[in-house]
Protein backbone atom coordinates (compact mmCIF):
# COMPACT_ATOMS: atom_id res chain seq x y z
CA MET A 1 134.36 136.40 97.10
CA PRO A 2 131.11 134.41 96.63
CA ARG A 3 131.13 130.71 97.46
CA ARG A 4 128.90 128.27 95.58
CA LEU A 5 127.44 124.83 96.01
CA THR A 6 125.62 122.98 93.25
CA VAL A 7 122.17 121.78 94.33
CA PHE A 8 120.98 118.41 93.06
CA LEU A 9 117.47 116.96 93.33
CA PHE A 10 117.95 113.20 93.08
CA SER A 11 120.86 113.15 90.59
CA LYS A 12 119.69 116.14 88.54
CA LYS A 13 121.35 119.54 88.80
CA VAL A 14 118.60 122.00 89.69
CA GLY A 15 120.40 125.13 90.80
CA ALA A 16 123.12 126.74 92.87
CA LEU A 17 123.35 127.97 96.46
CA GLN A 18 125.65 130.94 96.90
CA GLN A 19 126.99 132.75 99.94
CA GLU A 20 128.20 136.32 99.74
CA ASN A 21 128.76 138.68 102.68
CA GLY A 22 127.14 136.10 104.95
CA GLN A 23 123.93 136.02 102.92
CA LEU A 24 122.53 132.97 101.12
CA ARG A 25 121.19 133.18 97.59
CA PHE A 26 119.56 130.35 95.66
CA ALA A 27 118.79 130.30 91.94
CA TYR A 28 117.31 127.58 89.77
CA ASP A 29 119.41 126.49 86.81
CA SER A 30 117.98 127.65 83.47
CA ALA A 31 118.41 124.16 82.01
CA TRP A 32 116.35 122.71 84.88
CA LEU A 33 113.60 125.29 84.40
CA ALA A 34 113.40 124.32 80.73
CA ARG A 35 112.83 120.62 81.45
CA PRO A 36 109.21 119.35 81.23
CA GLU A 37 109.64 117.40 84.50
CA ALA A 38 111.07 120.39 86.41
CA ARG A 39 109.66 120.76 89.91
CA PRO A 40 110.59 123.01 92.82
CA ILE A 41 112.81 121.79 95.65
CA SER A 42 110.39 123.26 98.18
CA HIS A 43 106.81 124.49 98.44
CA SER A 44 108.38 127.77 99.63
CA LEU A 45 110.75 128.04 96.62
CA PRO A 46 108.55 127.88 93.49
CA LEU A 47 110.11 127.57 90.04
CA ARG A 48 111.15 130.95 88.67
CA ASP A 49 114.00 132.67 86.82
CA GLU A 50 114.71 135.21 89.55
CA PRO A 51 117.03 134.14 92.39
CA PHE A 52 115.80 133.85 95.98
CA ASP A 53 117.43 136.07 98.59
CA ASP A 54 118.57 135.06 102.07
CA LEU A 55 115.15 135.62 103.63
CA ALA A 56 113.52 133.17 101.20
CA ALA A 57 116.36 130.64 100.78
CA ARG A 58 117.63 130.20 104.32
CA PRO A 59 114.60 128.42 105.84
CA PHE A 60 114.84 125.50 103.42
CA PHE A 61 118.61 125.08 103.42
CA ALA A 62 119.14 125.74 107.15
CA GLY A 63 116.37 123.21 107.72
CA LEU A 64 118.66 120.48 106.38
CA LEU A 65 121.15 120.98 109.22
CA PRO A 66 121.44 119.83 112.85
CA GLU A 67 120.05 122.21 115.47
CA GLY A 68 120.60 123.38 119.03
CA ASP A 69 123.62 122.11 120.91
CA LEU A 70 124.54 119.85 117.98
CA ARG A 71 124.81 122.94 115.79
CA VAL A 72 127.03 124.66 118.37
CA ARG A 73 129.36 121.64 118.56
CA LEU A 74 129.41 121.42 114.78
CA ALA A 75 130.37 125.09 114.46
CA LYS A 76 133.24 124.68 116.93
CA ILE A 77 134.67 121.75 114.97
CA LEU A 78 134.37 123.67 111.69
CA ARG A 79 135.67 126.84 113.38
CA VAL A 80 132.84 128.95 112.03
CA SER A 81 130.04 130.98 113.56
CA ARG A 82 127.03 128.94 114.66
CA LEU A 83 124.99 131.36 112.50
CA ASN A 84 126.89 130.33 109.37
CA ASP A 85 124.66 127.97 107.37
CA PHE A 86 126.85 127.66 104.28
CA ALA A 87 129.92 126.09 105.94
CA PRO A 88 128.06 123.12 107.49
CA LEU A 89 126.13 122.59 104.25
CA ASP A 90 129.46 122.45 102.47
CA ALA A 91 130.79 119.98 105.05
CA LEU A 92 127.70 117.79 105.43
CA GLY A 93 125.46 118.22 102.41
CA GLY A 94 126.18 114.97 100.58
CA GLU A 95 123.34 112.94 102.15
CA CYS A 96 120.49 115.06 103.51
CA ALA A 97 116.86 114.52 104.34
CA GLY A 98 114.79 114.03 101.22
CA ALA A 99 116.42 114.03 97.79
CA ILE A 100 118.71 117.06 98.10
CA THR A 101 122.48 116.79 97.64
CA LEU A 102 124.89 119.75 97.74
CA LEU A 103 128.32 119.49 96.14
CA GLU A 104 131.13 121.86 95.29
CA ASP A 105 130.79 123.34 91.82
CA ASP A 106 133.45 121.21 90.19
CA ILE A 107 132.22 117.89 91.59
CA GLU A 108 129.71 115.66 89.78
CA ILE A 109 127.15 113.62 91.67
CA MET A 110 127.46 109.86 91.57
CA PRO A 111 124.80 108.51 89.16
CA PRO A 112 122.08 106.37 90.78
CA SER A 113 123.19 103.32 88.79
CA ALA A 114 126.82 103.56 89.93
CA PRO A 115 127.86 100.55 92.03
CA SER A 116 128.73 101.16 95.66
CA SER A 117 130.44 98.93 98.18
CA PRO A 118 129.50 99.70 101.78
CA LEU A 119 132.08 98.92 104.42
CA TRP A 120 130.09 96.97 106.98
CA LEU A 121 131.08 97.67 110.58
CA ASP A 122 131.92 94.93 113.05
CA ASP A 123 130.74 95.26 116.67
CA GLY A 124 133.92 96.99 117.78
CA GLU A 125 133.84 99.50 114.94
CA LEU A 126 130.18 100.21 115.58
CA ALA A 127 130.86 100.73 119.30
CA ASN A 128 133.63 103.20 118.44
CA LEU A 129 131.29 105.05 116.10
CA LEU A 130 128.63 105.36 118.80
CA MET A 131 131.18 106.71 121.28
CA THR A 132 132.62 109.15 118.70
CA LEU A 133 129.30 110.60 117.57
CA PRO A 134 128.52 112.83 120.61
CA ASN A 135 131.87 114.60 120.22
CA ARG A 136 131.74 114.79 116.42
CA PRO A 137 128.17 115.40 115.20
CA MET A 138 127.45 113.75 111.84
CA LEU A 139 131.10 112.59 111.99
CA VAL A 140 132.10 115.99 110.61
CA GLY A 141 135.80 116.19 109.90
CA GLU A 142 136.12 112.44 109.51
CA SER A 143 137.18 111.10 106.13
CA GLY A 144 134.23 109.49 104.38
CA PRO A 145 130.64 110.45 103.60
CA ARG A 146 129.13 113.90 104.10
CA LEU A 147 125.98 113.34 106.16
CA SER A 148 123.34 115.68 107.55
CA LEU A 149 120.05 115.44 109.41
CA ALA A 150 117.93 118.11 111.06
CA GLY A 151 117.14 117.94 114.76
CA ALA A 152 118.86 118.38 118.11
CA GLN A 153 119.52 114.70 118.91
CA ASP A 154 122.70 112.70 118.30
CA LYS A 155 121.92 110.62 115.23
CA LEU A 156 123.45 109.47 111.97
CA PRO A 157 122.24 108.28 108.55
CA VAL A 158 123.41 104.70 107.99
CA LEU A 159 122.89 101.70 105.77
CA ALA A 160 121.36 98.74 107.58
CA GLU A 161 120.37 95.29 106.39
CA GLU A 162 119.70 91.89 107.87
CA ALA A 163 122.30 89.19 107.21
CA ASP A 164 122.47 85.75 108.84
CA GLY A 165 119.77 86.71 111.32
CA ARG A 166 121.63 89.85 112.46
CA ILE A 167 121.45 93.49 111.50
CA ARG A 168 124.64 94.84 110.02
CA ILE A 169 125.40 98.54 109.67
CA ALA A 170 127.59 100.63 107.37
CA LEU A 171 128.16 104.26 106.59
CA PRO A 172 126.81 105.03 103.10
CA PRO A 173 129.61 105.39 100.55
CA ARG A 174 130.25 108.78 98.99
CA GLU A 175 126.91 110.55 98.30
CA ALA A 176 124.93 107.27 98.20
CA PRO A 177 121.56 107.14 99.99
CA SER A 178 121.27 105.77 103.50
CA SER A 179 118.43 103.47 104.55
CA HIS A 180 118.04 104.11 108.29
CA ILE A 181 118.67 106.70 110.97
CA LEU A 182 120.70 105.57 113.96
CA LYS A 183 119.85 107.37 117.22
CA LEU A 184 121.82 107.18 120.45
CA GLU A 185 120.74 106.66 124.02
CA THR A 186 121.63 109.86 125.92
CA ALA A 187 122.31 110.41 129.61
CA ASP A 188 119.86 113.32 129.92
CA LEU A 189 116.95 111.23 128.57
CA PRO A 190 117.29 107.80 130.18
CA GLY A 191 115.34 105.16 128.33
CA GLY A 192 114.95 107.45 125.32
CA VAL A 193 115.64 104.65 122.85
CA HIS A 194 112.94 102.44 124.41
CA ASN A 195 110.62 105.44 124.72
CA GLU A 196 110.74 106.41 121.04
CA ALA A 197 110.59 102.82 119.80
CA PHE A 198 107.55 102.23 122.01
CA CYS A 199 105.71 105.39 120.91
CA LEU A 200 106.31 104.77 117.20
CA THR A 201 105.26 101.14 117.53
CA LEU A 202 102.16 102.20 119.47
CA ALA A 203 101.24 104.69 116.75
CA ALA A 204 101.44 101.97 114.10
CA THR A 205 99.44 99.59 116.32
CA CYS A 206 96.73 102.26 116.55
CA GLY A 207 96.55 102.43 112.76
CA LEU A 208 98.56 105.63 112.24
CA PRO A 209 101.26 105.63 109.55
CA ALA A 210 104.55 105.84 111.48
CA ALA A 211 108.23 105.29 110.85
CA SER A 212 109.33 101.77 111.76
CA ALA A 213 111.85 101.67 114.61
CA THR A 214 113.73 98.86 116.35
CA ILE A 215 115.97 98.78 119.40
CA ARG A 216 119.45 97.37 118.93
CA GLN A 217 122.24 96.54 121.35
CA ILE A 218 125.87 95.85 120.62
CA PRO A 219 126.54 92.33 121.93
CA SER A 220 128.34 92.10 125.28
CA SER A 221 127.86 95.81 125.95
CA ASN A 222 125.41 98.29 127.46
CA LEU A 223 125.31 100.31 124.25
CA PHE A 224 121.71 100.63 123.02
CA PHE A 225 120.66 102.50 119.94
CA LEU A 226 117.56 102.99 117.83
CA LEU A 227 117.34 102.12 114.15
CA VAL A 228 114.59 104.04 112.39
CA GLU A 229 113.72 103.04 108.85
CA ARG A 230 113.74 106.14 106.65
CA TYR A 231 110.35 106.93 105.11
CA ASP A 232 112.16 109.14 102.56
CA ARG A 233 114.05 106.18 101.11
CA ARG A 234 112.87 103.12 99.21
CA GLN A 235 114.58 100.03 97.85
CA SER A 236 114.44 99.37 94.12
CA SER A 237 113.88 95.94 92.57
CA ASP A 238 117.63 95.48 92.18
CA GLY A 239 118.27 96.19 95.88
CA ARG A 240 119.58 99.75 95.55
CA TRP A 241 118.32 102.42 97.93
CA GLU A 242 116.68 105.44 96.33
CA ARG A 243 115.84 108.88 97.70
CA LEU A 244 112.34 110.30 97.96
CA SER A 245 111.87 114.05 98.05
CA GLN A 246 110.54 115.50 101.29
CA GLU A 247 110.56 118.64 103.41
CA ASP A 248 109.34 119.47 106.88
CA PHE A 249 106.52 121.93 107.49
CA CYS A 250 108.89 124.74 108.51
CA GLN A 251 110.79 124.40 105.25
CA ALA A 252 107.55 124.29 103.26
CA MET A 253 106.27 127.43 105.01
CA GLY A 254 109.57 129.31 104.74
CA VAL A 255 110.19 129.36 108.51
CA VAL A 256 113.77 129.15 109.80
CA PRO A 257 114.52 126.29 112.26
CA GLU A 258 115.14 128.56 115.24
CA TYR A 259 111.48 129.65 115.11
CA LYS A 260 110.00 126.16 114.99
CA TYR A 261 108.14 126.59 118.30
CA GLN A 262 104.86 128.49 118.26
CA ASN A 263 105.67 130.55 121.36
CA GLU A 264 108.79 131.84 119.55
CA GLY A 265 106.80 132.96 116.53
CA GLY A 266 106.72 129.61 114.73
CA PRO A 267 103.83 127.88 112.97
CA ASP A 268 100.67 127.01 114.88
CA LEU A 269 98.36 124.12 114.14
CA ALA A 270 96.09 126.28 111.98
CA ALA A 271 99.06 127.05 109.70
CA CYS A 272 99.91 123.35 109.48
CA PHE A 273 96.41 122.43 108.34
CA GLU A 274 96.37 125.32 105.88
CA LEU A 275 99.66 124.07 104.39
CA LEU A 276 98.08 120.67 103.73
CA ARG A 277 95.09 122.29 102.08
CA SER A 278 97.27 124.35 99.76
CA ALA A 279 99.89 121.68 98.94
CA THR A 280 98.01 118.36 98.71
CA ARG A 281 95.38 117.09 96.25
CA PRO A 282 92.97 115.75 97.41
CA SER A 283 93.59 117.08 100.90
CA ALA A 284 90.75 115.52 102.93
CA LEU A 285 92.60 112.29 103.81
CA GLU A 286 95.83 114.16 104.57
CA ILE A 287 93.98 116.52 106.92
CA LEU A 288 92.44 113.61 108.82
CA ARG A 289 95.85 111.96 109.11
CA LEU A 290 97.33 115.17 110.52
CA LEU A 291 94.42 115.51 112.93
CA ASP A 292 94.98 111.97 114.20
CA GLY A 293 98.69 112.73 114.58
CA VAL A 294 97.97 115.86 116.62
CA ILE A 295 95.58 113.95 118.90
CA PHE A 296 97.96 111.01 119.29
CA ASN A 297 100.89 113.28 120.21
CA ALA A 298 98.80 115.04 122.83
CA LEU A 299 97.54 111.80 124.40
CA VAL A 300 100.95 110.08 124.56
CA GLY A 301 102.72 113.16 125.92
CA ASN A 302 104.83 114.11 122.90
CA ASN A 303 105.09 117.77 123.84
CA ASP A 304 107.84 118.40 121.28
CA ALA A 305 105.59 117.97 118.22
CA HIS A 306 106.56 121.24 116.49
CA ALA A 307 106.27 122.03 112.79
CA LYS A 308 109.65 120.46 111.94
CA ASN A 309 108.30 117.15 113.22
CA PHE A 310 105.72 117.00 110.44
CA SER A 311 106.72 116.65 106.80
CA LEU A 312 105.48 116.50 103.24
CA ILE A 313 106.72 113.68 101.05
CA TYR A 314 106.77 114.03 97.26
CA GLU A 315 106.35 110.48 96.02
CA LYS A 316 103.29 111.01 93.83
CA ARG A 317 102.03 113.81 91.62
CA TYR A 318 101.07 115.81 94.71
CA PRO A 319 102.75 115.66 98.13
CA THR A 320 101.25 113.68 100.97
CA LEU A 321 101.73 113.83 104.73
CA ALA A 322 104.78 111.82 105.76
CA PRO A 323 104.44 109.10 108.42
CA LEU A 324 104.81 110.15 112.04
CA TYR A 325 108.42 110.36 113.24
CA ASP A 326 110.34 111.66 116.26
CA VAL A 327 107.48 110.64 118.55
CA LEU A 328 108.67 110.53 122.16
CA CYS A 329 106.76 110.69 125.42
CA SER A 330 108.63 113.81 126.55
CA ALA A 331 106.09 114.44 129.32
CA ILE A 332 107.64 111.57 131.29
CA TYR A 333 110.85 113.57 131.85
CA PRO A 334 110.65 116.24 134.60
CA CYS A 335 113.66 118.00 133.06
CA LEU A 336 111.80 118.78 129.82
CA ASN A 337 109.38 121.60 129.16
CA GLU A 338 105.79 120.70 130.00
CA LYS A 339 104.44 123.04 127.34
CA MET A 340 103.25 121.57 124.06
CA ALA A 341 105.12 122.89 121.03
CA MET A 342 101.84 124.11 119.47
CA LYS A 343 98.74 125.24 121.34
CA ILE A 344 95.46 123.37 121.23
CA GLY A 345 92.89 126.13 121.39
CA SER A 346 94.48 128.65 123.73
CA LYS A 347 96.34 126.12 125.89
CA TYR A 348 99.93 124.89 125.86
CA HIS A 349 99.44 122.42 128.76
CA PHE A 350 97.59 119.15 128.29
CA ASP A 351 96.03 119.22 131.77
CA ASP A 352 94.33 122.52 130.87
CA LEU A 353 92.48 121.04 127.87
CA PHE A 354 88.69 120.97 128.02
CA PRO A 355 86.16 120.41 125.22
CA ARG A 356 86.01 124.15 124.50
CA HIS A 357 89.73 124.15 123.69
CA TRP A 358 89.36 121.30 121.22
CA GLU A 359 86.43 123.23 119.71
CA ALA A 360 88.55 126.41 119.42
CA PHE A 361 91.34 124.39 117.79
CA ALA A 362 88.85 122.90 115.32
CA LYS A 363 87.52 126.32 114.37
CA SER A 364 90.99 127.80 113.84
CA ALA A 365 92.07 124.80 111.73
CA GLY A 366 88.92 124.81 109.59
CA LEU A 367 87.66 121.51 111.03
CA SER A 368 84.34 120.32 112.39
CA SER A 369 84.34 120.59 116.19
CA ALA A 370 82.05 117.56 116.45
CA GLN A 371 84.42 115.55 114.28
CA VAL A 372 87.46 116.61 116.31
CA LYS A 373 85.88 115.71 119.65
CA LYS A 374 84.67 112.39 118.24
CA ARG A 375 88.18 111.50 117.04
CA VAL A 376 89.71 112.53 120.38
CA SER A 377 87.24 110.30 122.22
CA ARG A 378 87.85 107.39 119.86
CA MET A 379 91.63 107.69 120.10
CA ALA A 380 91.50 108.06 123.89
CA ALA A 381 89.45 104.84 124.09
CA LEU A 382 91.77 102.97 121.73
CA ILE A 383 95.27 103.92 122.90
CA PRO A 384 95.40 102.52 126.47
CA GLY A 385 94.57 98.95 125.43
CA GLN A 386 97.05 99.13 122.55
CA ALA A 387 99.68 100.57 124.91
CA HIS A 388 99.35 97.57 127.24
CA LYS A 389 99.51 95.22 124.27
CA THR A 390 102.61 96.97 122.91
CA LEU A 391 104.24 96.80 126.34
CA ASN A 392 103.61 93.06 126.53
CA ASP A 393 105.04 92.64 123.03
CA PHE A 394 108.18 94.51 124.05
CA ILE A 395 108.57 92.39 127.18
CA ALA A 396 108.18 89.20 125.13
CA LEU A 397 111.06 90.39 122.93
CA GLY A 398 113.23 91.12 125.97
CA LEU A 399 112.96 94.87 125.41
CA THR A 400 112.43 95.83 129.02
CA HIS A 401 112.98 99.21 130.64
CA GLY A 402 111.30 100.71 133.69
CA ILE A 403 110.30 103.82 131.77
CA LEU A 404 107.85 101.87 129.61
CA THR A 405 105.48 101.11 132.49
CA ASP A 406 105.61 104.77 133.51
CA ILE A 407 104.74 105.79 129.94
CA VAL A 408 101.78 103.38 129.82
CA ASN A 409 100.47 104.78 133.12
CA LEU A 410 100.86 108.37 131.89
CA ILE A 411 99.01 107.52 128.68
CA GLN A 412 96.24 105.81 130.65
CA ASP A 413 95.82 108.91 132.85
CA ARG A 414 95.73 111.30 129.90
CA CYS A 415 93.22 109.21 127.98
CA SER A 416 90.98 108.74 131.01
CA LEU A 417 91.05 112.50 131.70
CA SER A 418 90.15 113.27 128.10
CA ILE A 419 87.23 110.83 128.01
CA LYS A 420 85.93 112.13 131.35
CA ARG A 421 85.96 115.75 130.18
CA LEU A 422 84.50 115.02 126.75
CA THR A 423 81.61 112.95 128.11
CA LYS A 424 80.42 115.41 130.77
C-alpha cells in the first residue's frame, strides 16, 4: 500500500511524496501550481502537473538525509534497509536543510506565527545530549523534534542564543526552525572542531562569504563542540527564526548523494559553474564567488569539497551561491583520502597542480585562464598572512590546539608552491 508524506515549503503545502514498491514519487499539489507565487522546491524539479518518478525525485529528497556511516546507524535504529529513503524522511523530516518540512498526511504544519517555548538545556543535559548523539543520529527514536541534516558527520540542528554572557542551547520545539548546527569533536579527526572553526574564520578574514562558527566547551569538562550559524535561517524583527529555501548542488543537478564525488560519477567543477550560469541572474558575481571558493579550498587543503558542499540559496528573486560551509583542512589527517573531491584540470592531487592544470580547469568551466591564474596568485599571497593572524586571534581567545599550527604550516607550503609555479 502506498505511503505518503505531505511536503511543505515554508508553511505552504506544495505537494506529496509517495513511496510504493520501494520507489519514490513526488507530485506538486494542484492548488500550489495555481498560486501566483508558486515556485519549485528544486532546480531539478520544475513546476509541472505530471508527477516525478523515483529517478527524478530521489536526488532531492535523499539529499535531505544523513549519509555514510550515519545513514547505516540510522537504518539500524529504524530497522529498515539503508537504501530506504522514505522511512528516515518520515522519522526526521520535520526540520531539514532549507525550507522543506515533511509531515504525515493528517498532520498540519505549525504556522510561523505560532508561539514556541524552547526547553533550554543545562550543562548536564547538554553533556548527555552530546554523548547520546553518536549512538542515536539526529536523536532518532527520541521523543521530541524530528530533525535532519545531510552529511556524514555527527551533528544536530539546535536553537542557540546568548543570555547573561553565555550561550544557551535548546532543541527546536515541534517543527520550529533551528538557528545553528551543533557539530561534535570525533576521535577519528582529532582537533576537528578547532580545524573547521579556524578554516571558516580564515575564509571570512580573506573576504569570502562563509558560515560563522564558534568553538564551545561545556564547563568543567573536556567536551568541545562547534556551533555553526545557519545561513539558511534568519531572525525576524520580533525575534522568531525563519527558514530560507536552499539546496545543495547535487540536489539542484538531480544527482543522488552516493554519487557526490567526481571519481564515482558525480559532478565536476565544470558542471558546478554551468549550474550557476543556468540558475542565477546575473551570474557573473556568483561565478567569481565560486571560483574563489574553489581556490580557497585547494589552498587550505579542504579535499572534501564535493558538490554537496556547495549550495544555492533562494532568498531573492533568483538564487545566489550560499556562503562557504563544511570547510575543513582534511589534508592534515593522514587517515583521509589525499584526492580532491573534484579535479582541477586533470589532477586530483594538489601537489600535481601546475599552471597548465589551472588553465585546463578554466577552459572546461568557461572561465578566462588569465583571470583564474591571477586569482590563484592573489589568494595564495593573501591567505598565509591571514592564517597567522587568525591563529593569533584564536590563541588570544584561549582556543589553542596543536593542530592549528600544523594547518598554518600546511597552508603556507601550499601557497608558496602555487606562487612559485605560477611565477615561473
